Protein backbone atom coordinates (compact mmCIF):
# COMPACT_ATOMS: atom_id res chain seq x y z
CA MET A 1 -11.68 -46.09 8.31
CA ASN A 2 -15.30 -44.99 7.72
CA LYS A 3 -17.32 -45.58 4.57
CA THR A 4 -18.64 -42.45 2.76
CA VAL A 5 -21.48 -41.85 0.32
CA THR A 6 -22.21 -39.06 -2.13
CA ALA A 7 -25.35 -37.00 -1.49
CA ASN A 8 -26.96 -34.25 -3.61
CA ILE A 9 -28.49 -31.66 -1.29
CA SER A 10 -30.20 -28.72 -3.00
CA GLY A 11 -28.07 -29.20 -6.11
CA VAL A 12 -24.76 -29.36 -4.21
CA VAL A 13 -22.82 -32.65 -4.03
CA PHE A 14 -21.34 -33.60 -0.63
CA HIS A 15 -19.29 -36.56 0.58
CA ILE A 16 -20.88 -37.78 3.83
CA GLU A 17 -20.00 -40.65 6.14
CA THR A 18 -22.56 -43.45 5.91
CA GLU A 19 -23.65 -43.18 9.55
CA ALA A 20 -24.00 -39.39 9.25
CA TYR A 21 -25.99 -39.78 6.01
CA ASP A 22 -28.43 -42.20 7.65
CA HIS A 23 -28.95 -39.80 10.55
CA LEU A 24 -29.53 -36.86 8.18
CA HIS A 25 -31.88 -38.93 6.00
CA GLN A 26 -33.94 -39.90 9.04
CA TYR A 27 -34.06 -36.24 10.13
CA LEU A 28 -35.35 -35.07 6.74
CA ASN A 29 -37.96 -37.85 6.65
CA THR A 30 -39.22 -36.74 10.05
CA ILE A 31 -39.54 -33.18 8.75
CA ARG A 32 -41.43 -34.37 5.68
CA LYS A 33 -43.92 -36.17 7.95
CA TYR A 34 -44.21 -33.08 10.11
CA PHE A 35 -45.17 -30.89 7.12
CA HIS A 36 -47.11 -33.65 5.28
CA ASP A 37 -50.45 -31.81 5.31
CA ALA A 38 -49.03 -28.26 5.17
CA GLU A 39 -49.56 -25.99 2.19
CA GLY A 40 -46.35 -25.50 0.21
CA LYS A 41 -44.66 -28.56 1.73
CA GLU A 42 -42.39 -28.91 -1.31
CA GLU A 43 -41.24 -25.30 -1.00
CA ILE A 44 -40.65 -25.82 2.72
CA MET A 45 -38.48 -28.87 2.13
CA ALA A 46 -36.58 -27.12 -0.67
CA ASP A 47 -35.75 -24.18 1.59
CA ILE A 48 -34.75 -26.47 4.47
CA GLU A 49 -32.45 -28.48 2.23
CA ALA A 50 -30.97 -25.25 0.80
CA ARG A 51 -30.21 -24.04 4.33
CA ILE A 52 -28.61 -27.39 5.24
CA ALA A 53 -26.47 -27.25 2.08
CA GLU A 54 -25.38 -23.73 3.02
CA LEU A 55 -24.35 -24.84 6.52
CA PHE A 56 -22.45 -27.85 5.14
CA SER A 57 -20.66 -25.62 2.61
CA GLU A 58 -19.46 -23.38 5.45
CA LYS A 59 -18.00 -26.46 7.14
CA LEU A 60 -16.12 -27.41 3.98
CA LYS A 61 -14.66 -23.90 3.65
CA GLN A 62 -12.73 -24.60 6.85
CA GLY A 63 -10.58 -27.15 4.99
CA LYS A 64 -12.70 -30.28 5.54
CA GLU A 65 -13.57 -32.63 2.69
CA VAL A 66 -16.10 -35.04 4.24
CA ILE A 67 -19.20 -34.32 6.33
CA ILE A 68 -19.07 -36.36 9.54
CA MET A 69 -21.61 -37.21 12.24
CA GLN A 70 -20.55 -34.26 14.38
CA ASP A 71 -21.27 -31.87 11.51
CA VAL A 72 -24.73 -33.35 10.96
CA ARG A 73 -25.58 -33.05 14.67
CA LYS A 74 -24.48 -29.40 14.74
CA VAL A 75 -26.63 -28.65 11.68
CA ILE A 76 -29.64 -30.36 13.27
CA GLU A 77 -29.00 -28.41 16.47
CA THR A 78 -28.99 -25.20 14.41
CA MET A 79 -32.08 -26.08 12.37
CA GLY A 80 -34.02 -27.46 15.34
CA GLU A 81 -35.91 -30.70 15.94
CA PRO A 82 -39.51 -30.73 14.54
CA GLU A 83 -42.18 -31.38 17.14
CA ALA A 84 -43.85 -34.26 15.23
CA TYR A 85 -46.05 -35.52 18.03
CA MET A 86 -47.50 -32.26 19.32
CA SER A 87 -50.91 -30.85 18.39
CA ASP A 88 -51.15 -27.45 16.76
CA GLU A 89 -52.35 -25.80 19.99
CA GLU A 90 -49.55 -27.38 22.06
CA PHE A 91 -47.02 -26.51 19.40
CA GLU A 92 -48.05 -22.81 19.30
CA GLU A 93 -48.01 -22.63 23.11
CA GLU A 94 -44.53 -24.15 23.22
CA LYS A 95 -43.37 -21.64 20.60
CA ARG A 96 -44.67 -18.73 22.73
CA LYS A 97 -42.79 -20.07 25.75
CA GLU A 98 -39.62 -20.40 23.75
CA LYS A 99 -39.90 -16.82 22.45
CA SER A 100 -40.52 -15.46 25.94
CA THR A 101 -37.59 -17.30 27.54
CA ASN A 102 -35.02 -17.45 24.77
CA SER A 103 -32.47 -14.64 25.05
CA GLU A 104 -30.59 -15.51 21.87
CA PHE A 105 -31.51 -13.58 18.71
CA ALA A 106 -30.11 -14.26 15.28
CA SER A 107 -28.08 -11.41 13.87
CA LYS A 108 -29.95 -9.39 11.27
CA LYS A 109 -28.76 -8.94 7.69
CA LEU A 110 -29.66 -6.07 5.41
CA TYR A 111 -31.86 -7.06 2.46
CA ARG A 112 -34.53 -5.41 0.32
CA ASP A 113 -38.03 -6.69 1.05
CA GLU A 114 -39.84 -6.97 -2.29
CA ASP A 115 -42.84 -8.65 -0.62
CA ASP A 116 -43.69 -5.39 1.17
CA ASN A 117 -42.55 -2.66 -1.20
CA LEU A 118 -43.78 0.47 -2.91
CA ILE A 119 -40.85 0.67 -5.34
CA GLY A 120 -37.84 -1.49 -4.57
CA GLY A 121 -38.34 -2.62 -0.96
CA VAL A 122 -35.42 -0.51 0.35
CA CYS A 123 -37.36 1.19 3.15
CA SER A 124 -38.92 -2.11 4.31
CA GLY A 125 -35.51 -3.79 4.45
CA ILE A 126 -33.92 -0.90 6.36
CA GLY A 127 -36.89 -0.83 8.72
CA TYR A 128 -36.43 -4.52 9.58
CA TYR A 129 -32.68 -4.02 10.05
CA PHE A 130 -33.02 -1.14 12.52
CA GLY A 131 -36.27 -2.30 14.09
CA VAL A 132 -38.10 0.90 13.03
CA ASN A 133 -41.37 1.17 11.14
CA LYS A 134 -40.74 1.42 7.39
CA VAL A 135 -43.10 4.40 7.15
CA TRP A 136 -40.53 6.67 8.82
CA PHE A 137 -37.87 5.82 6.26
CA ARG A 138 -40.32 6.43 3.42
CA VAL A 139 -41.07 9.87 4.89
CA ILE A 140 -37.33 10.62 5.15
CA PHE A 141 -36.67 9.66 1.51
CA LEU A 142 -39.70 11.66 0.34
CA ALA A 143 -38.53 14.73 2.27
CA ALA A 144 -35.02 14.36 0.83
CA LEU A 145 -36.52 14.10 -2.65
CA LEU A 146 -38.62 17.26 -2.30
CA ALA A 147 -36.37 19.44 -0.15
CA GLY A 148 -32.97 18.07 -1.13
CA PHE A 149 -33.06 18.76 -4.89
CA GLY A 150 -33.57 15.10 -5.76
CA THR A 151 -30.87 13.68 -3.47
CA GLY A 152 -33.43 11.35 -1.91
CA LEU A 153 -34.04 9.67 -5.27
CA LEU A 154 -30.30 9.36 -5.95
CA ILE A 155 -29.62 7.80 -2.54
CA TYR A 156 -32.59 5.46 -2.96
CA ILE A 157 -31.35 4.25 -6.35
CA ILE A 158 -27.83 3.70 -5.00
CA LEU A 159 -29.21 1.67 -2.06
CA TRP A 160 -31.44 -0.24 -4.48
CA ILE A 161 -28.32 -1.26 -6.42
CA LEU A 162 -26.17 -2.07 -3.41
CA ILE A 163 -28.63 -3.87 -1.13
CA PRO A 164 -29.47 -7.44 -2.27
CA THR A 165 -33.03 -8.77 -2.42
CA ALA A 166 -34.25 -11.27 0.18
CA LYS A 167 -35.23 -14.04 -2.23
CA THR A 168 -35.07 -17.27 -0.26
CA THR A 169 -36.99 -18.01 2.91
CA ALA A 170 -33.70 -18.17 4.84
CA GLU A 171 -32.74 -14.68 3.65
CA LYS A 172 -36.16 -13.32 4.61
CA LEU A 173 -35.77 -14.77 8.10
CA GLU A 174 -32.25 -13.27 8.37
CA MET A 175 -33.67 -9.93 7.26
CA LYS A 176 -36.16 -10.01 10.16
CA GLY A 177 -33.57 -11.26 12.63
CA GLU A 178 -35.27 -14.60 13.17
CA PRO A 179 -33.35 -17.90 13.53
CA VAL A 180 -33.14 -19.91 10.30
CA ASN A 181 -34.47 -23.26 11.50
CA VAL A 182 -37.07 -25.80 10.47
CA ASP A 183 -39.97 -24.27 12.37
CA ASN A 184 -39.39 -20.72 11.16
CA ILE A 185 -38.92 -21.81 7.54
CA GLY A 186 -42.18 -23.79 7.67
CA ASN A 187 -44.14 -20.96 9.29
CA ALA A 188 -42.74 -18.42 6.82
CA ILE A 189 -43.77 -20.45 3.79
CA LYS A 190 -47.21 -21.10 5.27
CA GLY A 191 -47.56 -17.35 5.72
CA GLU A 192 -46.55 -16.75 2.12
CA PHE A 193 -49.24 -19.14 0.86
CA SER A 194 -51.84 -17.42 3.04
CA HIS A 195 -50.75 -14.04 1.69
CA PHE A 196 -50.95 -15.41 -1.85
CA LYS A 197 -54.54 -16.53 -1.26
CA LYS A 198 -55.50 -13.06 -0.12
CA LYS A 199 -53.98 -11.60 -3.27
CA VAL A 200 -55.96 -14.03 -5.43
CA ASP A 201 -59.21 -13.21 -3.63
CA GLY A 202 -58.61 -9.44 -3.91
CA SER A 203 -60.84 -7.00 -5.79
CA ASN A 204 -60.25 -5.49 -9.21
CA ALA A 205 -59.16 -2.26 -7.54
CA ASN A 206 -56.36 -4.12 -5.79
CA GLU A 207 -55.39 -5.73 -9.08
CA PHE A 208 -55.25 -2.31 -10.76
CA ALA A 209 -53.14 -0.89 -7.93
CA GLY A 210 -50.80 -3.87 -8.18
CA LYS A 211 -50.33 -3.30 -11.90
CA ALA A 212 -49.61 0.39 -11.36
CA LYS A 213 -47.10 -0.42 -8.65
CA HIS A 214 -45.52 -3.04 -10.89
CA GLY A 215 -45.13 -0.47 -13.67
CA ILE A 216 -43.38 1.96 -11.33
CA TYR A 217 -41.17 -0.87 -10.14
CA ARG A 218 -40.27 -1.81 -13.71
CA PHE A 219 -39.33 1.82 -14.48
CA PHE A 220 -37.01 2.17 -11.50
CA ASP A 221 -35.69 -1.32 -12.05
CA PHE A 222 -34.68 -0.25 -15.57
CA ILE A 223 -32.86 2.82 -14.20
CA GLY A 224 -31.21 0.67 -11.54
CA LYS A 225 -29.95 -1.80 -14.14
CA ILE A 226 -28.49 1.01 -16.26
CA LEU A 227 -26.61 2.35 -13.24
CA TYR A 228 -25.57 -1.17 -12.28
CA TYR A 229 -24.04 -1.92 -15.67
CA ALA A 230 -22.36 1.50 -15.69
CA VAL A 231 -20.74 0.70 -12.35
CA VAL A 232 -19.76 -2.75 -13.62
CA LEU A 233 -18.13 -1.17 -16.69
CA VAL A 234 -16.14 1.27 -14.55
CA LEU A 235 -15.04 -1.59 -12.29
CA LYS A 236 -13.99 -3.65 -15.32
CA ILE A 237 -11.87 -0.77 -16.63
CA LEU A 238 -10.35 -0.28 -13.18
CA ALA A 239 -9.63 -4.01 -12.94
CA PHE A 240 -7.94 -3.97 -16.35
CA PHE A 241 -5.58 -1.17 -15.31
CA LEU A 242 -4.91 -2.91 -11.99
CA VAL A 243 -3.90 -6.10 -13.80
CA ILE A 244 -1.68 -4.25 -16.31
CA GLY A 245 -0.09 -2.14 -13.56
CA ALA A 246 0.58 -5.17 -11.36
CA LEU A 247 2.15 -7.11 -14.28
CA ILE A 248 4.40 -4.18 -15.20
CA ALA A 249 5.43 -3.67 -11.57
CA LEU A 250 6.18 -7.38 -11.13
CA ALA A 251 8.22 -7.51 -14.33
CA THR A 252 10.18 -4.38 -13.38
CA PHE A 253 10.89 -5.61 -9.89
CA THR A 254 11.97 -9.01 -11.23
CA VAL A 255 14.40 -7.39 -13.67
CA ILE A 256 15.85 -5.25 -10.88
CA SER A 257 16.05 -8.19 -8.48
CA ILE A 258 18.12 -10.35 -10.82
CA GLY A 259 20.69 -7.57 -11.05
CA ALA A 260 19.98 -5.85 -14.35
CA PRO A 261 21.47 -2.35 -14.83
CA PHE A 262 19.19 0.56 -13.98
CA ASP A 263 19.33 4.14 -12.73
CA ILE A 264 18.95 4.90 -9.04
CA GLN A 265 18.57 8.40 -7.57
CA LEU A 266 21.02 9.31 -4.80
CA ASN A 267 21.58 12.87 -3.53
CA ASN A 268 20.36 14.44 -6.80
CA SER A 269 22.67 12.14 -8.79
CA GLN A 270 22.22 8.76 -10.37
CA ILE A 271 24.17 5.53 -10.24
CA ASP A 272 23.96 3.77 -13.59
CA GLU A 273 25.45 0.46 -12.44
CA ASN A 274 24.52 -3.00 -11.27
CA TRP A 275 23.24 -1.84 -7.91
CA LEU A 276 22.29 -5.20 -6.45
CA SER A 277 25.72 -6.82 -6.86
CA GLU A 278 28.83 -4.67 -6.84
CA HIS A 279 27.50 -1.62 -5.05
CA ALA A 280 25.28 -3.35 -2.46
CA ALA A 281 28.32 -4.47 -0.45
CA LEU A 282 29.32 -0.83 0.04
CA PHE A 283 26.37 -0.07 2.32
CA PHE A 284 25.54 -3.22 4.30
CA SER A 285 27.66 -4.50 7.15
CA SER A 286 27.71 -8.07 5.76
CA ASP A 287 26.37 -10.27 2.97
CA LEU A 288 23.91 -11.85 5.42
CA ILE A 289 22.38 -8.49 6.36
CA TYR A 290 22.17 -7.62 2.67
CA GLY A 291 20.47 -10.95 1.88
CA LEU A 292 17.92 -10.48 4.69
CA GLY A 293 17.09 -7.00 3.46
CA LEU A 294 16.72 -8.11 -0.16
CA ALA A 295 14.47 -11.04 0.84
CA GLY A 296 12.35 -8.71 2.98
CA VAL A 297 11.94 -6.17 0.17
CA CYS A 298 10.92 -8.95 -2.23
CA LEU A 299 8.22 -10.16 0.19
CA ILE A 300 6.94 -6.65 0.90
CA VAL A 301 6.70 -5.75 -2.79
CA ILE A 302 5.70 -9.02 -4.48
CA ILE A 303 2.92 -10.18 -2.13
CA PRO A 304 0.78 -7.00 -2.44
CA LEU A 305 1.37 -6.96 -6.20
CA LEU A 306 0.20 -10.58 -6.46
CA GLY A 307 -2.85 -9.67 -4.37
CA ILE A 308 -3.66 -6.74 -6.68
CA LEU A 309 -3.16 -8.95 -9.73
CA TYR A 310 -5.42 -11.68 -8.32
CA GLY A 311 -8.10 -9.19 -7.27
CA GLY A 312 -8.00 -7.47 -10.66
CA LEU A 313 -8.37 -10.79 -12.49
CA LYS A 314 -11.33 -11.74 -10.28
CA MET A 315 -13.02 -8.41 -11.02
CA LEU A 316 -12.26 -8.71 -14.71
CA PHE A 317 -13.34 -12.31 -15.31
CA ARG A 318 -15.69 -12.75 -12.30
CA PHE A 319 -14.40 -16.10 -11.13
CA LYS A 320 -14.60 -17.25 -7.54
CA GLY A 321 -11.19 -18.87 -7.16
CA PRO A 322 -10.09 -20.85 -4.09
CA GLN A 323 -11.64 -19.82 -0.78
CA PHE A 324 -8.94 -21.14 1.51
CA LYS A 325 -8.34 -18.86 4.47
CA ALA A 326 -4.91 -20.46 4.87
CA ILE A 327 -3.74 -18.78 1.65
CA GLY A 328 -4.66 -15.32 2.90
CA LEU A 329 -3.16 -15.95 6.32
CA THR A 330 0.05 -17.25 4.74
CA ALA A 331 0.32 -14.19 2.49
CA VAL A 332 -0.20 -11.80 5.42
CA SER A 333 2.32 -13.74 7.51
CA LEU A 334 4.95 -13.64 4.75
CA TRP A 335 4.36 -9.91 4.28
CA ALA A 336 4.84 -9.37 8.03
CA ILE A 337 8.03 -11.46 7.92
CA GLY A 338 9.25 -9.27 5.05
CA ILE A 339 8.72 -6.15 7.18
CA ILE A 340 10.63 -7.76 10.05
CA LEU A 341 13.54 -8.69 7.75
CA VAL A 342 13.70 -5.16 6.32
CA LEU A 343 13.64 -3.70 9.83
CA ILE A 344 16.47 -6.00 10.92
CA SER A 345 18.55 -5.19 7.84
CA GLY A 346 17.72 -1.48 7.98
CA SER A 347 18.49 -1.08 11.69
CA SER A 348 21.78 -2.97 11.27
CA THR A 349 22.78 -0.81 8.28
CA ALA A 350 21.68 2.42 10.00
CA GLY A 351 23.87 1.43 12.92
CA GLN A 352 26.89 1.63 10.61
CA PHE A 353 26.18 5.38 10.21
CA ALA A 354 25.32 6.08 13.87
CA SER A 355 28.36 8.21 14.72
CA LYS A 356 30.21 10.94 12.79
CA GLN A 357 33.84 11.90 13.35
CA THR A 358 36.16 14.53 11.84
CA TYR A 359 39.91 14.28 11.24
CA ILE A 360 41.69 17.61 10.57
CA GLU A 361 45.05 17.83 8.84
CA THR A 362 47.13 20.98 8.18
CA ILE A 363 49.74 21.04 5.38
CA LYS A 364 52.17 23.93 4.66
CA LEU A 365 52.84 24.72 1.00
CA ASP A 366 56.44 25.92 1.51
CA GLU A 367 57.39 25.10 -2.07
CA SER A 368 55.32 27.87 -3.68
CA PRO A 369 57.87 30.31 -5.21
CA SER A 370 55.37 33.09 -5.98
CA ASP A 371 52.96 35.39 -4.17
CA THR A 372 50.25 34.12 -6.53
CA LEU A 373 48.88 30.60 -6.22
CA VAL A 374 47.27 29.20 -9.36
CA LEU A 375 44.42 26.79 -8.62
CA SER A 376 43.39 24.09 -11.10
CA SER A 377 42.16 20.48 -11.10
CA LEU A 378 43.45 17.15 -12.31
CA VAL A 379 41.90 15.41 -15.28
CA THR A 380 40.17 12.27 -14.03
CA GLU A 381 41.49 9.21 -15.83
CA LYS A 382 40.35 6.54 -13.41
CA GLY A 383 37.05 4.76 -13.98
CA ILE A 384 34.08 6.41 -15.61
CA LEU A 385 32.74 9.41 -13.75
CA ASP A 386 30.30 11.95 -15.08
CA GLU A 387 27.56 14.19 -13.72
CA ASN A 388 25.26 11.18 -13.24
CA ASN A 389 27.71 9.26 -11.04
CA ASP A 390 28.73 9.83 -7.43
CA PHE A 391 31.26 7.03 -7.08
CA PHE A 392 32.90 4.04 -8.73
CA ILE A 393 35.06 1.09 -7.74
CA GLU A 394 38.47 0.40 -9.20
CA SER A 395 40.74 -2.37 -7.97
CA ASP A 396 40.74 -2.26 -4.16
CA SER A 397 39.68 1.41 -3.88
CA LEU A 398 36.40 3.30 -3.74
CA PHE A 399 36.45 6.71 -5.44
CA LEU A 400 33.89 9.27 -4.24
CA ASN A 401 32.97 12.62 -5.75
CA ASN A 402 32.70 14.20 -2.28
CA LEU A 403 35.34 16.94 -2.24
CA ASP A 404 34.59 20.65 -1.79
CA LEU A 405 37.23 23.38 -1.97
CA ASN A 406 37.13 26.85 -0.42
CA VAL A 407 39.64 29.68 0.07
CA VAL A 408 40.20 31.23 3.51
CA LYS A 409 42.72 33.52 5.18
CA SER A 410 45.90 31.66 6.13
CA ARG A 411 46.78 31.22 9.79
CA SER A 412 50.42 31.98 8.98
CA SER A 413 52.44 33.95 6.47
CA GLU A 414 52.59 30.98 4.08
CA PHE A 415 50.11 29.24 1.82
CA GLU A 416 48.54 26.31 3.72
CA LEU A 417 46.09 23.50 3.20
CA TYR A 418 43.46 22.63 5.82
CA LEU A 419 41.93 19.20 5.15
CA LYS A 420 38.73 18.46 7.06
CA LYS A 421 38.04 14.74 6.60
CA GLN A 422 34.70 13.41 7.80
CA SER A 423 33.17 9.93 7.98
CA ASN A 424 30.36 8.04 9.68
CA GLY A 425 30.77 4.75 11.53
CA PRO A 426 29.15 2.51 14.14
CA ASN A 427 31.01 4.44 16.91
CA ARG A 428 33.32 7.44 17.25
CA LYS A 429 36.50 5.38 17.23
CA VAL A 430 35.70 3.53 14.03
CA ALA A 431 34.36 6.72 12.39
CA GLY A 432 37.63 8.49 13.25
CA GLU A 433 39.71 5.69 11.73
CA LEU A 434 37.61 5.75 8.57
CA ALA A 435 38.04 9.54 8.30
CA LYS A 436 41.79 9.21 8.73
CA ASN A 437 41.94 6.64 5.91
CA ILE A 438 40.55 9.10 3.34
CA ASN A 439 43.14 10.00 0.73
CA VAL A 440 43.13 13.36 -1.12
CA GLU A 441 45.13 13.54 -4.34
CA TYR A 442 46.83 16.90 -5.14
CA TYR A 443 50.07 18.19 -6.70
CA LEU A 444 51.99 21.47 -6.36
CA ILE A 445 53.96 22.18 -9.55
CA ASP A 446 55.85 25.50 -9.25
CA ASN A 447 53.05 27.83 -8.13
CA GLU A 448 50.19 25.76 -9.60
CA LEU A 449 48.13 23.64 -7.20
CA LEU A 450 46.13 20.85 -8.85
CA PHE A 451 43.44 18.95 -6.98
CA SER A 452 41.58 15.81 -7.95
CA GLU A 453 37.83 16.12 -7.63
CA LEU A 454 37.75 12.60 -6.21
CA ILE A 455 38.63 11.26 -2.82
CA ARG A 456 39.83 7.69 -2.41
CA VAL A 457 39.08 5.27 0.43
CA PRO A 458 39.98 1.60 0.86
CA LEU A 459 37.25 -0.64 -0.49
CA SER A 460 37.19 -2.49 2.84
CA ASP A 461 36.07 0.75 4.57
CA LYS A 462 32.87 0.68 2.45
CA PHE A 463 30.67 3.72 1.93
CA ARG A 464 30.15 5.59 5.20
CA LYS A 465 29.43 9.09 3.82
CA GLN A 466 33.11 9.98 3.61
CA GLU A 467 33.73 13.57 2.49
CA VAL A 468 36.53 16.13 2.52
CA ILE A 469 36.36 19.91 2.81
CA VAL A 470 39.59 21.51 1.58
CA SER A 471 40.36 25.07 2.66
CA ILE A 472 43.30 26.81 0.96
CA GLY A 473 44.87 29.28 3.35
CA VAL A 474 46.04 32.42 1.50
CA PRO A 475 48.09 34.95 3.52
CA GLU A 476 46.85 38.54 3.58
CA GLY A 477 48.31 40.48 0.66
CA LYS A 478 48.87 37.39 -1.50
CA THR A 479 46.81 36.31 -4.49
CA VAL A 480 45.05 33.22 -5.84
CA TYR A 481 44.19 32.72 -9.49
CA PHE A 482 41.38 30.37 -10.49
CA LYS A 483 41.89 28.55 -13.80
CA GLN A 484 38.86 27.36 -15.78
CA GLU A 485 39.50 23.75 -14.70
CA ALA A 486 39.11 24.76 -11.05
CA ALA A 487 35.32 24.80 -11.58
CA ARG A 488 35.30 21.04 -10.90
CA VAL A 489 36.58 21.42 -7.34
CA ILE A 490 35.68 24.88 -5.93
CA TYR A 491 32.43 25.25 -4.04
CA ASP A 492 30.90 28.50 -2.77
CA VAL A 493 34.17 30.41 -2.33
CA ASP A 494 33.72 33.38 0.01
CA ASN A 495 34.63 36.85 -1.32
CA VAL A 496 33.86 40.46 -0.43
CA SER A 497 31.73 41.04 -3.53
CA ASN A 498 29.65 37.83 -3.20
CA THR A 499 30.67 36.88 -6.74
CA HIS A 500 29.47 33.49 -7.94
CA ASP A 501 32.06 30.71 -8.34
CA ASP A 502 31.76 30.63 -12.14
CA ASP A 503 32.42 34.37 -12.35
CA MET A 504 35.58 34.03 -10.23
CA LEU A 505 37.29 31.87 -12.85
CA GLU A 506 40.15 33.32 -14.94
CA HIS A 507 40.62 36.19 -12.47
CA HIS A 508 43.12 37.11 -9.76
CA TRP A 509 41.77 37.43 -6.22
CA GLN A 510 43.81 39.03 -3.46
CA MET A 511 43.33 38.20 0.23
CA THR A 512 42.53 41.39 2.17
CA LYS A 513 41.63 41.86 5.80
CA ASP A 514 37.96 41.57 4.77
CA GLY A 515 38.46 38.55 2.46
CA LEU A 516 39.10 37.88 -1.23
CA SER A 517 38.93 40.91 -3.53
CA CYS A 518 39.22 40.78 -7.32
CA LEU A 519 42.19 42.60 -8.88
CA ASP A 520 41.26 42.35 -12.57
CA CYS A 521 37.44 42.35 -12.67
CA ALA A 522 36.67 45.47 -14.72
CA TRP A 523 33.03 44.56 -14.98
CA LEU A 524 32.84 44.18 -11.22
CA ASN A 525 34.47 47.60 -10.64
CA ALA A 526 32.00 49.17 -13.08
CA GLU A 527 29.05 47.67 -11.19
CA GLU A 528 30.43 48.90 -7.88
CA ALA A 529 30.94 52.42 -9.30
CA GLN A 530 27.38 52.45 -10.67
CA GLU A 531 25.98 51.38 -7.30
CA THR A 532 28.02 54.14 -5.57
CA ASP A 533 26.72 56.82 -7.99
CA SER A 534 23.15 55.61 -7.52
CA LEU A 535 23.51 55.78 -3.75
CA THR A 536 24.94 59.34 -3.97
CA VAL A 537 22.02 60.54 -6.14
CA ASN A 538 19.47 59.07 -3.74
CA LEU A 539 21.07 60.83 -0.80
């Protein structure tokens, strides 16, 4: 157990082990002695301490709470040991040797250089970053201003807003690509004092030029601030809508997740039921697969929404918040786990629909006493089914609105029914069994055939896209009559005149060698006669 002390370094409070504090204190005292007679020694020490505080803060961002001896040694290694016992000539010679042999260069950062500027220091900063003389960039911006209809000025102002100013000595060294250590900080501040002396000793002409340049700078600084606050306002508005949108999305998803009723679109119809409880079991192979899928969807949806909400709040109220990398990594990991869970659940569920099988059944309607078969439909009394519903559950059965009825030529001299039952399943055998289990409800009363628009399957079979296509076989020369109620079951009935299903209702249609032909459609005969007359005239 090591004893710790509290130290204030450049306005930032750190908890440091006693031994590490003593070592750091000795190091800073050595630096003070080294720069004892230097101009701007207080500024040098302030910048050095600011850099040390910055390096310590980076250590604490990694989850540490106390600065230890190892951290202090690494910071000293980064900052460099001051050569306290060397003369100025020896020190400069050693520096030249180090520069000629050292192959490591600090990475450059993009800043504006307001110490060497005409307007905002943009060109100087870009010049340092790319290692190109600033004059070339000034020429490029001037050419863009004159020949590009003012685009050079617009780009310059945007860069002025976006690129930060190199204010501290450490930032100025980073701008030039020089290591931020004790020696470079000291030399930089000495250079600034020398430059300041030259400014003080300058002529009146230089003073006048400086004032003119300062006026231009103030003008463009004013424009830059206006654009800056305009951008800030737009970002605030965007952040507000992000926060509101994220809150609404989270509330909606929460309501859906706890099983509240809502409408869901499915094959151009809607299920207005409790989707996440009663109906979920119809699609998934098991409760476990359903639970994995639901958990995965929650992770995929909620984590990004929380991220948007957090980011919007930070933009809106400009707070820093926790800087723990572990939080971000955990969120990304959970989101990835959510994707994996959805893929597992989705692939398992898709496997239940991998194969499709058809079961065909032929039924003779020997009981029909007439040459005319009247087609109608049963009134649905089970459950609640309307145009917004595709299925419902009642007792131990699942009722589906997946029946289509057509009329074809009979394969015999009698009226017949051809039932084409189809279902999906994990393999052909299971799909065939599921298709065979489909029940079609119909009744033949005298010569009237009534069909239910619903098909029924055992609830244990679950939903596997079961459907039935009913074809009524009408012998050639015999007739079928469509009652108004038949509209609920017929679908795209073939006929020689291509008459729409709704127009076939309440009419007699006779099966000919070419297909169904209407016997009592006066309006249809009139249209055909008109078309024949028109064709004759054209010829």
